[in-house]
Protein backbone atom coordinates (compact mmCIF):
# COMPACT_ATOMS: atom_id res chain seq x y z
CA MET A 1 10.40 8.29 6.24
CA ARG A 2 7.36 8.25 3.39
CA ALA A 3 6.50 5.56 1.16
CA ILE A 4 4.17 4.74 -1.87
CA VAL A 5 1.48 2.26 -1.73
CA THR A 6 -0.51 0.30 -4.57
CA VAL A 7 -3.25 -1.69 -4.60
CA LEU A 8 -5.21 -3.24 -7.38
CA GLY A 9 -7.41 -6.12 -7.40
CA LYS A 10 -10.64 -7.03 -8.61
CA ASP A 11 -13.53 -4.74 -7.23
CA ASP A 12 -14.72 -6.37 -3.92
CA VAL A 13 -16.26 -5.01 -0.18
CA GLY A 14 -13.53 -3.54 1.90
CA ILE A 15 -10.21 -3.43 0.11
CA LEU A 16 -9.97 0.18 1.60
CA SER A 17 -10.81 -1.47 5.11
CA PHE A 18 -8.79 -4.27 4.91
CA VAL A 19 -5.68 -2.34 3.45
CA THR A 20 -5.69 0.53 6.13
CA ALA A 21 -6.20 -1.42 8.83
CA LEU A 22 -3.10 -3.93 7.94
CA LEU A 23 -0.97 -0.46 7.63
CA ALA A 24 -2.62 0.93 10.97
CA GLU A 25 -1.78 -2.61 12.93
CA HIS A 26 2.07 -1.85 12.26
CA LYS A 27 1.65 1.99 13.13
CA VAL A 28 1.91 3.43 9.33
CA SER A 29 -0.08 6.42 8.60
CA VAL A 30 -1.96 6.99 5.74
CA LEU A 31 -0.92 10.60 4.24
CA ASP A 32 -2.63 10.67 1.35
CA ILE A 33 -4.85 8.58 -1.02
CA SER A 34 -6.49 8.20 -4.09
CA GLN A 35 -8.67 5.42 -5.23
CA THR A 36 -11.02 4.55 -8.40
CA ILE A 37 -12.79 1.62 -9.78
CA MET A 38 -11.84 1.18 -13.74
CA ARG A 39 -14.41 -1.15 -14.64
CA GLU A 40 -14.82 -4.15 -12.18
CA TYR A 41 -10.72 -3.47 -10.96
CA PHE A 42 -10.12 -1.47 -7.84
CA THR A 43 -6.99 0.56 -7.92
CA MET A 44 -5.66 2.84 -5.26
CA VAL A 45 -2.31 4.51 -4.43
CA MET A 46 -1.28 5.80 -0.96
CA LEU A 47 1.45 8.18 0.25
CA VAL A 48 2.51 6.65 3.94
CA ASP A 49 4.08 7.83 6.55
CA CYS A 50 6.50 4.86 8.18
CA ALA A 51 8.25 6.60 10.52
CA GLN A 52 6.91 4.70 13.32
CA ILE A 53 7.00 1.31 11.76
CA ASP A 54 7.09 -1.58 14.42
CA LEU A 55 8.88 -3.82 11.99
CA PRO A 56 11.83 -3.53 9.53
CA PHE A 57 10.46 -1.88 6.34
CA ALA A 58 11.56 -4.67 4.07
CA GLU A 59 9.29 -7.09 6.63
CA LEU A 60 6.47 -5.03 6.00
CA VAL A 61 6.90 -5.04 2.42
CA ALA A 62 6.74 -9.02 2.29
CA LEU A 63 3.84 -9.03 4.38
CA MET A 64 1.82 -6.59 2.51
CA GLU A 65 2.82 -8.61 -1.05
CA GLY A 66 2.00 -11.77 1.25
CA GLN A 67 -1.35 -10.44 2.71
CA GLY A 68 -2.34 -8.93 -0.75
CA LYS A 69 -1.81 -12.78 -2.21
CA GLU A 70 -4.14 -13.99 0.14
CA HIS A 71 -6.66 -11.55 -0.60
CA ASN A 72 -6.16 -11.71 -4.04
CA LEU A 73 -4.71 -8.14 -4.57
CA SER A 74 -1.40 -6.80 -5.79
CA ILE A 75 -0.18 -4.87 -2.92
CA HIS A 76 3.21 -2.94 -3.55
CA ILE A 77 5.27 -0.52 -1.10
CA GLN A 78 8.24 1.06 -1.78
CA ARG A 79 10.01 3.89 -0.20
CA GLU A 80 9.22 7.44 -1.51
CA ASP A 81 13.10 8.21 -2.51
CA ILE A 82 13.17 5.26 -4.69
CA PHE A 83 9.65 5.75 -6.39
CA ASN A 84 10.74 9.35 -7.13
CA ALA A 85 14.17 8.17 -8.37
CA MET A 86 12.91 5.50 -10.73
CA HIS A 87 10.11 8.03 -12.34
CA ARG A 88 12.66 10.95 -13.28
CA ILE A 89 12.81 11.92 -16.70
């Protein structure tokens, strides 16, 4: 199962490292990644593989959002099929 991860926040050292380490801790593999700095804001979108995760997907969603808030980041993860369905014309 693949998912889309979005990360937004004020630019700071270590955001990419923090997010990818958190994903790796739960056996989520990064398949593709795009990031940019827009003025002082960090933005990142990742396509990840959740086939081997070690907890229910809903718990991963809550964990990522909670850890994001603790680090002043907005982190969202949603299943790729739902993401695609929401963005069909």
